Amino acid sequence: TAASDRDETVRTQAMRALATLLRTDPKLAIGVSIATFLDLLNSPNVSDRINGSVVLAEMSDPETLAAIKARGLSALKEMAHWRSDAHAAAARTILARIETH
């Protein structure tokens, strides 16, 4: 998929577009595999981590939150402590959702 392309620009644009689509129509999340985005939470590339978390923040169904908790919790906790509120926002949003479910 474009979210796992070798080119960082392609990955970034793909994830931004997907996040926008999901924000516009949350029902689209039904067909989205979250595995790539979970993997990106642990990427050495900060941009990948941020963009992966932005996509995941647009999905809030119980199954997705359980998968995120199982595979991405430690990465999200680390990201939530980043100094830049803009970079940490999606991680903080996801963690708050996980905590309330």
N, C-alpha and C. Protein backbone atom coordinates (compact mmCIF):
# COMPACT_ATOMS: atom_id res chain seq x y z
N THR A 1 0.83 -1.19 0.00
CA THR A 1 0.00 0.00 0.00
C THR A 1 0.88 1.25 0.00
N ALA A 2 0.27 2.36 -0.28
CA ALA A 2 1.01 3.62 -0.30
C ALA A 2 1.53 4.00 1.07
N ALA A 3 0.85 3.57 2.12
CA ALA A 3 1.30 3.89 3.48
C ALA A 3 2.58 3.18 3.86
N SER A 4 2.97 2.17 3.10
CA SER A 4 4.23 1.47 3.36
C SER A 4 5.21 1.62 2.20
N ASP A 5 4.99 2.59 1.35
CA ASP A 5 5.88 2.87 0.21
C ASP A 5 7.28 3.24 0.71
N ARG A 6 8.28 3.02 -0.11
CA ARG A 6 9.65 3.37 0.26
C ARG A 6 9.86 4.88 0.37
N ASP A 7 9.10 5.61 -0.40
CA ASP A 7 9.24 7.06 -0.45
C ASP A 7 8.45 7.72 0.69
N GLU A 8 9.15 8.48 1.52
CA GLU A 8 8.50 9.12 2.67
C GLU A 8 7.38 10.07 2.24
N THR A 9 7.57 10.78 1.15
CA THR A 9 6.55 11.71 0.68
C THR A 9 5.27 10.97 0.29
N VAL A 10 5.42 9.84 -0.37
CA VAL A 10 4.26 9.03 -0.76
C VAL A 10 3.54 8.54 0.49
N ARG A 11 4.30 8.03 1.47
CA ARG A 11 3.70 7.54 2.72
C ARG A 11 2.94 8.67 3.42
N THR A 12 3.58 9.81 3.54
CA THR A 12 2.97 10.94 4.24
C THR A 12 1.69 11.38 3.57
N GLN A 13 1.72 11.55 2.26
CA GLN A 13 0.53 12.00 1.54
C GLN A 13 -0.59 10.98 1.63
N ALA A 14 -0.24 9.70 1.53
CA ALA A 14 -1.25 8.65 1.62
C ALA A 14 -1.93 8.65 2.99
N MET A 15 -1.13 8.77 4.03
CA MET A 15 -1.71 8.74 5.38
C MET A 15 -2.53 10.00 5.67
N ARG A 16 -2.08 11.13 5.19
CA ARG A 16 -2.86 12.36 5.39
C ARG A 16 -4.20 12.26 4.66
N ALA A 17 -4.17 11.73 3.44
CA ALA A 17 -5.41 11.59 2.67
C ALA A 17 -6.36 10.61 3.36
N LEU A 18 -5.82 9.48 3.84
CA LEU A 18 -6.67 8.50 4.52
C LEU A 18 -7.27 9.08 5.80
N ALA A 19 -6.47 9.81 6.57
CA ALA A 19 -6.99 10.41 7.80
C ALA A 19 -8.12 11.39 7.48
N THR A 20 -7.96 12.15 6.41
CA THR A 20 -9.01 13.09 6.00
C THR A 20 -10.28 12.35 5.59
N LEU A 21 -10.12 11.28 4.83
CA LEU A 21 -11.29 10.48 4.42
C LEU A 21 -12.00 9.88 5.63
N LEU A 22 -11.24 9.36 6.56
CA LEU A 22 -11.83 8.75 7.75
C LEU A 22 -12.53 9.79 8.62
N ARG A 23 -11.96 10.98 8.68
CA ARG A 23 -12.58 12.07 9.45
C ARG A 23 -13.91 12.47 8.81
N THR A 24 -13.95 12.43 7.48
CA THR A 24 -15.15 12.80 6.73
C THR A 24 -16.22 11.72 6.81
N ASP A 25 -15.79 10.46 6.71
CA ASP A 25 -16.73 9.34 6.73
C ASP A 25 -16.14 8.18 7.54
N PRO A 26 -16.39 8.14 8.84
CA PRO A 26 -15.83 7.10 9.70
C PRO A 26 -16.17 5.67 9.27
N LYS A 27 -17.25 5.50 8.51
CA LYS A 27 -17.62 4.15 8.04
C LYS A 27 -16.55 3.55 7.14
N LEU A 28 -15.73 4.38 6.53
CA LEU A 28 -14.66 3.89 5.66
C LEU A 28 -13.61 3.09 6.42
N ALA A 29 -13.54 3.27 7.71
CA ALA A 29 -12.56 2.55 8.53
C ALA A 29 -12.79 1.04 8.50
N ILE A 30 -14.01 0.63 8.19
CA ILE A 30 -14.34 -0.79 8.16
C ILE A 30 -13.42 -1.56 7.21
N GLY A 31 -13.03 -0.96 6.11
CA GLY A 31 -12.20 -1.64 5.13
C GLY A 31 -10.71 -1.40 5.27
N VAL A 32 -10.30 -0.73 6.33
CA VAL A 32 -8.89 -0.38 6.50
C VAL A 32 -8.19 -1.37 7.42
N SER A 33 -7.11 -1.94 6.94
CA SER A 33 -6.28 -2.81 7.77
C SER A 33 -5.35 -1.93 8.60
N ILE A 34 -5.34 -2.13 9.90
CA ILE A 34 -4.56 -1.25 10.75
C ILE A 34 -3.13 -1.73 10.99
N ALA A 35 -2.78 -2.90 10.50
CA ALA A 35 -1.46 -3.48 10.77
C ALA A 35 -0.32 -2.55 10.38
N THR A 36 -0.39 -1.97 9.20
CA THR A 36 0.67 -1.07 8.75
C THR A 36 0.81 0.12 9.69
N PHE A 37 -0.30 0.68 10.13
CA PHE A 37 -0.27 1.86 10.98
C PHE A 37 0.24 1.52 12.38
N LEU A 38 -0.08 0.33 12.85
CA LEU A 38 0.47 -0.13 14.13
C LEU A 38 1.98 -0.28 14.02
N ASP A 39 2.45 -0.84 12.91
CA ASP A 39 3.89 -0.99 12.70
C ASP A 39 4.58 0.37 12.66
N LEU A 40 3.92 1.34 12.04
CA LEU A 40 4.52 2.67 11.90
C LEU A 40 4.68 3.39 13.24
N LEU A 41 3.92 3.01 14.24
CA LEU A 41 4.07 3.63 15.55
C LEU A 41 5.46 3.40 16.12
N ASN A 42 6.13 2.36 15.66
CA ASN A 42 7.48 2.04 16.14
C ASN A 42 8.55 2.33 15.09
N SER A 43 8.20 3.07 14.08
CA SER A 43 9.16 3.41 13.02
C SER A 43 10.26 4.32 13.56
N PRO A 44 11.47 4.18 13.01
CA PRO A 44 12.54 5.12 13.38
C PRO A 44 12.30 6.51 12.78
N ASN A 45 11.38 6.59 11.83
CA ASN A 45 11.05 7.85 11.18
C ASN A 45 9.92 8.54 11.95
N VAL A 46 10.21 9.69 12.52
CA VAL A 46 9.24 10.40 13.35
C VAL A 46 7.99 10.76 12.55
N SER A 47 8.16 11.15 11.32
CA SER A 47 7.01 11.50 10.48
C SER A 47 6.07 10.31 10.31
N ASP A 48 6.62 9.13 10.12
CA ASP A 48 5.80 7.92 10.01
C ASP A 48 5.02 7.67 11.29
N ARG A 49 5.68 7.87 12.42
CA ARG A 49 5.03 7.64 13.71
C ARG A 49 3.86 8.61 13.90
N ILE A 50 4.11 9.86 13.58
CA ILE A 50 3.06 10.88 13.73
C ILE A 50 1.90 10.58 12.80
N ASN A 51 2.20 10.36 11.53
CA ASN A 51 1.13 10.13 10.55
C ASN A 51 0.38 8.83 10.81
N GLY A 52 1.08 7.80 11.23
CA GLY A 52 0.40 6.55 11.59
C GLY A 52 -0.55 6.76 12.75
N SER A 53 -0.13 7.55 13.73
CA SER A 53 -1.01 7.81 14.88
C SER A 53 -2.20 8.67 14.49
N VAL A 54 -2.01 9.58 13.54
CA VAL A 54 -3.11 10.42 13.08
C VAL A 54 -4.19 9.56 12.41
N VAL A 55 -3.77 8.60 11.61
CA VAL A 55 -4.74 7.69 10.98
C VAL A 55 -5.45 6.87 12.05
N LEU A 56 -4.71 6.30 12.96
CA LEU A 56 -5.32 5.47 14.01
C LEU A 56 -6.26 6.28 14.90
N ALA A 57 -5.97 7.55 15.08
CA ALA A 57 -6.83 8.40 15.92
C ALA A 57 -8.21 8.60 15.29
N GLU A 58 -8.33 8.35 14.01
CA GLU A 58 -9.62 8.49 13.33
C GLU A 58 -10.46 7.23 13.43
N MET A 59 -9.91 6.18 14.05
CA MET A 59 -10.63 4.92 14.20
C MET A 59 -10.87 4.67 15.68
N SER A 60 -12.12 4.49 16.05
CA SER A 60 -12.39 4.35 17.48
C SER A 60 -13.28 3.16 17.83
N ASP A 61 -13.42 2.22 16.90
CA ASP A 61 -14.24 1.06 17.22
C ASP A 61 -13.50 0.18 18.25
N PRO A 62 -14.23 -0.58 19.04
CA PRO A 62 -13.62 -1.37 20.12
C PRO A 62 -12.53 -2.34 19.66
N GLU A 63 -12.71 -2.98 18.51
CA GLU A 63 -11.70 -3.93 18.02
C GLU A 63 -10.40 -3.23 17.69
N THR A 64 -10.50 -2.07 17.06
CA THR A 64 -9.30 -1.31 16.71
C THR A 64 -8.60 -0.82 17.97
N LEU A 65 -9.36 -0.31 18.93
CA LEU A 65 -8.75 0.15 20.17
C LEU A 65 -8.06 -0.99 20.92
N ALA A 66 -8.65 -2.18 20.89
CA ALA A 66 -8.03 -3.34 21.54
C ALA A 66 -6.72 -3.70 20.85
N ALA A 67 -6.71 -3.65 19.52
CA ALA A 67 -5.48 -3.96 18.77
C ALA A 67 -4.41 -2.91 19.03
N ILE A 68 -4.81 -1.67 19.08
CA ILE A 68 -3.85 -0.60 19.37
C ILE A 68 -3.27 -0.79 20.76
N LYS A 69 -4.12 -1.11 21.71
CA LYS A 69 -3.66 -1.33 23.09
C LYS A 69 -2.67 -2.49 23.16
N ALA A 70 -2.96 -3.55 22.43
CA ALA A 70 -2.10 -4.73 22.45
C ALA A 70 -0.75 -4.49 21.76
N ARG A 71 -0.75 -3.74 20.67
CA ARG A 71 0.47 -3.62 19.86
C ARG A 71 1.13 -2.25 19.88
N GLY A 72 0.42 -1.23 20.31
CA GLY A 72 0.99 0.10 20.17
C GLY A 72 1.04 0.95 21.43
N LEU A 73 0.66 0.37 22.54
CA LEU A 73 0.52 1.15 23.76
C LEU A 73 1.83 1.82 24.19
N SER A 74 2.92 1.09 24.21
CA SER A 74 4.17 1.68 24.69
C SER A 74 4.65 2.79 23.77
N ALA A 75 4.51 2.60 22.47
CA ALA A 75 4.91 3.65 21.53
C ALA A 75 4.04 4.89 21.70
N LEU A 76 2.75 4.70 21.89
CA LEU A 76 1.84 5.84 22.08
C LEU A 76 2.15 6.58 23.38
N LYS A 77 2.47 5.85 24.43
CA LYS A 77 2.82 6.50 25.70
C LYS A 77 4.07 7.37 25.54
N GLU A 78 5.03 6.84 24.81
CA GLU A 78 6.24 7.63 24.54
C GLU A 78 5.90 8.88 23.74
N MET A 79 5.12 8.71 22.68
CA MET A 79 4.76 9.83 21.81
C MET A 79 3.95 10.88 22.57
N ALA A 80 3.11 10.46 23.49
CA ALA A 80 2.27 11.39 24.25
C ALA A 80 3.11 12.34 25.11
N HIS A 81 4.36 11.97 25.38
CA HIS A 81 5.24 12.81 26.18
C HIS A 81 6.12 13.74 25.33
N TRP A 82 5.97 13.71 24.04
CA TRP A 82 6.76 14.60 23.19
C TRP A 82 6.46 16.05 23.53
N ARG A 83 7.44 16.89 23.40
CA ARG A 83 7.29 18.31 23.74
C ARG A 83 6.31 19.04 22.85
N SER A 84 6.29 18.69 21.59
CA SER A 84 5.38 19.36 20.65
C SER A 84 3.97 18.81 20.82
N ASP A 85 3.07 19.68 21.26
CA ASP A 85 1.67 19.25 21.42
C ASP A 85 1.08 18.78 20.10
N ALA A 86 1.44 19.43 19.01
CA ALA A 86 0.92 19.04 17.69
C ALA A 86 1.35 17.63 17.32
N HIS A 87 2.59 17.28 17.64
CA HIS A 87 3.09 15.94 17.30
C HIS A 87 2.55 14.87 18.25
N ALA A 88 2.23 15.25 19.46
CA ALA A 88 1.76 14.30 20.46
C ALA A 88 0.24 14.16 20.50
N ALA A 89 -0.47 15.05 19.84
CA ALA A 89 -1.93 15.13 19.97
C ALA A 89 -2.65 13.83 19.63
N ALA A 90 -2.32 13.21 18.51
CA ALA A 90 -3.02 11.99 18.11
C ALA A 90 -2.77 10.87 19.12
N ALA A 91 -1.53 10.74 19.58
CA ALA A 91 -1.22 9.70 20.58
C ALA A 91 -2.02 9.94 21.85
N ARG A 92 -2.11 11.18 22.28
CA ARG A 92 -2.88 11.50 23.48
C ARG A 92 -4.36 11.19 23.29
N THR A 93 -4.88 11.49 22.12
CA THR A 93 -6.28 11.20 21.82
C THR A 93 -6.55 9.70 21.89
N ILE A 94 -5.69 8.93 21.27
CA ILE A 94 -5.86 7.46 21.27
C ILE A 94 -5.78 6.92 22.68
N LEU A 95 -4.79 7.37 23.45
CA LEU A 95 -4.65 6.88 24.83
C LEU A 95 -5.87 7.22 25.67
N ALA A 96 -6.43 8.39 25.48
CA ALA A 96 -7.66 8.75 26.21
C ALA A 96 -8.82 7.84 25.84
N ARG A 97 -8.93 7.50 24.57
CA ARG A 97 -10.00 6.59 24.13
C ARG A 97 -9.81 5.20 24.71
N ILE A 98 -8.58 4.73 24.71
CA ILE A 98 -8.31 3.41 25.26
C ILE A 98 -8.64 3.38 26.76
N GLU A 99 -8.33 4.44 27.44
CA GLU A 99 -8.57 4.52 28.88
C GLU A 99 -10.07 4.50 29.22
N THR A 100 -10.88 5.07 28.34
CA THR A 100 -12.32 5.14 28.62
C THR A 100 -13.10 3.94 28.10
N HIS A 101 -12.44 3.04 27.38
CA HIS A 101 -13.15 1.85 26.87
C HIS A 101 -12.80 0.63 27.67
